[in-house]
Amino acid sequence: VQLQAYGGGLVQPGGSLRLSCAASGTITSIGIISWYRQAPGKQRDLVATISNLGSIAYVDSVKGRFTISRDNAKNTVYLQMNNLKPEDTTVYYCNKIPMTAWGQGTQVTVSS
């Protein structure tokens, strides 16, 4: 199963975006799916994780602002991002455990 992130764009500080992670096949049997982000020249960092049992975890910098969810019927995982800040600007990716090939990611730009 390959995963592809999309839904990024340009938004003003304090705005919202919803990213989608679409799977090429069923995600019902995939235990963990996560969102990551990577700024140019930096390592790819984990942002949020959701398991098929409903366990959720976030990096401290997005707690209270981002919400991860999954819709197994649509084979899609979402990342609702609210109160976006300029420091959230980067490329966002999704992947599963065990990892598969990384997709192109989706650019999120927070700027006035």
Protein backbone atom coordinates (compact mmCIF):
# COMPACT_ATOMS: atom_id res chain seq x y z
CA VAL A 1 0.00 0.00 0.00
CA GLN A 2 1.36 3.40 -1.03
CA LEU A 3 0.34 6.59 0.71
CA GLN A 4 0.17 10.06 -0.88
CA ALA A 5 -0.36 13.33 0.93
CA TYR A 6 -2.27 16.21 -0.59
CA GLY A 7 -4.30 19.24 0.41
CA GLY A 8 -1.57 21.74 1.19
CA GLY A 9 -1.60 25.36 0.18
CA LEU A 10 -1.06 28.93 1.23
CA VAL A 11 -2.86 30.14 4.32
CA GLN A 12 -2.58 33.17 6.59
CA PRO A 13 -1.37 32.84 10.17
CA GLY A 14 -4.24 31.66 12.33
CA GLY A 15 -5.89 29.93 9.41
CA SER A 16 -6.74 26.27 8.84
CA LEU A 17 -6.01 23.51 6.35
CA ARG A 18 -6.98 19.88 6.16
CA LEU A 19 -4.44 17.51 4.69
CA SER A 20 -5.43 14.12 3.33
CA CYS A 21 -3.34 10.97 3.11
CA ALA A 22 -4.82 8.71 0.48
CA ALA A 23 -3.88 5.04 0.34
CA SER A 24 -3.63 2.94 -2.80
CA GLY A 25 -5.33 0.10 -0.96
CA THR A 26 -7.14 -0.71 2.23
CA ILE A 27 -5.79 0.77 5.43
CA THR A 28 -7.96 -1.35 7.72
CA SER A 29 -5.10 -3.72 8.46
CA ILE A 30 -2.47 -0.98 8.79
CA GLY A 31 -1.72 -0.53 12.46
CA ILE A 32 -0.02 2.86 12.46
CA ILE A 33 -0.17 5.76 10.04
CA SER A 34 1.66 8.99 10.73
CA TRP A 35 2.12 12.49 9.44
CA TYR A 36 5.63 13.90 9.12
CA ARG A 37 7.10 17.21 7.99
CA GLN A 38 10.46 18.19 6.66
CA ALA A 39 11.93 21.63 6.15
CA PRO A 40 14.70 22.09 3.56
CA GLY A 41 18.02 20.86 4.88
CA LYS A 42 16.49 19.37 8.01
CA GLN A 43 15.47 15.90 9.06
CA ARG A 44 11.97 14.62 8.62
CA ASP A 45 10.09 14.90 11.90
CA LEU A 46 7.08 13.05 13.19
CA VAL A 47 4.03 15.28 13.67
CA ALA A 48 1.13 13.00 14.55
CA THR A 49 0.35 9.29 14.72
CA ILE A 50 -2.85 7.29 14.74
CA SER A 51 -3.31 3.56 15.22
CA ASN A 52 -6.11 1.34 14.00
CA LEU A 53 -7.14 0.97 17.63
CA GLY A 54 -7.63 4.71 17.98
CA SER A 55 -4.46 5.61 19.82
CA ILE A 56 -3.25 9.08 18.91
CA ALA A 57 -0.10 11.03 19.65
CA TYR A 58 1.20 14.45 18.67
CA VAL A 59 4.49 16.27 18.83
CA ASP A 60 4.30 18.96 21.50
CA SER A 61 4.48 21.85 19.03
CA VAL A 62 1.14 20.94 17.40
CA LYS A 63 -0.85 19.74 20.42
CA GLY A 64 -4.15 21.57 20.69
CA ARG A 65 -3.90 22.83 17.10
CA PHE A 66 -3.68 19.72 14.90
CA THR A 67 -6.05 16.75 14.86
CA ILE A 68 -5.30 13.45 13.17
CA SER A 69 -8.11 11.11 12.17
CA ARG A 70 -8.63 8.13 9.91
CA ASP A 71 -11.53 6.94 7.77
CA ASN A 72 -10.93 3.29 7.02
CA ALA A 73 -13.92 3.19 4.65
CA LYS A 74 -12.27 5.85 2.49
CA ASN A 75 -8.74 4.54 3.02
CA THR A 76 -7.72 8.02 4.07
CA VAL A 77 -6.03 9.62 7.04
CA TYR A 78 -6.55 13.32 7.71
CA LEU A 79 -4.61 16.04 9.46
CA GLN A 80 -6.78 18.98 10.44
CA MET A 81 -4.50 21.93 11.11
CA ASN A 82 -5.92 24.93 12.94
CA ASN A 83 -4.33 28.13 14.20
CA LEU A 84 -1.48 27.67 11.77
CA LYS A 85 1.77 29.48 12.44
CA PRO A 86 4.58 30.54 10.09
CA GLU A 87 6.80 27.90 11.66
CA ASP A 88 4.39 25.23 10.38
CA THR A 89 5.53 26.08 6.86
CA THR A 90 7.15 23.06 5.26
CA VAL A 91 6.40 19.92 3.23
CA TYR A 92 4.14 17.37 4.90
CA TYR A 93 4.26 13.63 4.25
CA CYS A 94 2.42 10.58 5.45
CA ASN A 95 3.63 7.04 5.89
CA LYS A 96 2.81 3.83 7.70
CA ILE A 97 4.60 1.37 9.93
CA PRO A 98 6.35 -0.56 8.44
CA MET A 99 7.32 2.27 6.13
CA THR A 100 6.78 2.31 2.42
CA ALA A 101 8.32 4.56 -0.23
CA TRP A 102 7.83 8.23 0.53
CA GLY A 103 5.42 10.14 -1.66
CA GLN A 104 6.00 13.67 -2.95
CA GLY A 105 4.48 15.33 0.06
CA THR A 106 2.34 18.43 0.09
CA GLN A 107 3.58 21.97 0.68
CA VAL A 108 2.02 24.02 3.46
CA THR A 109 2.88 27.71 3.54
CA VAL A 110 1.71 29.94 6.35
CA SER A 111 2.28 33.56 5.50
CA SER A 112 0.51 36.89 5.49
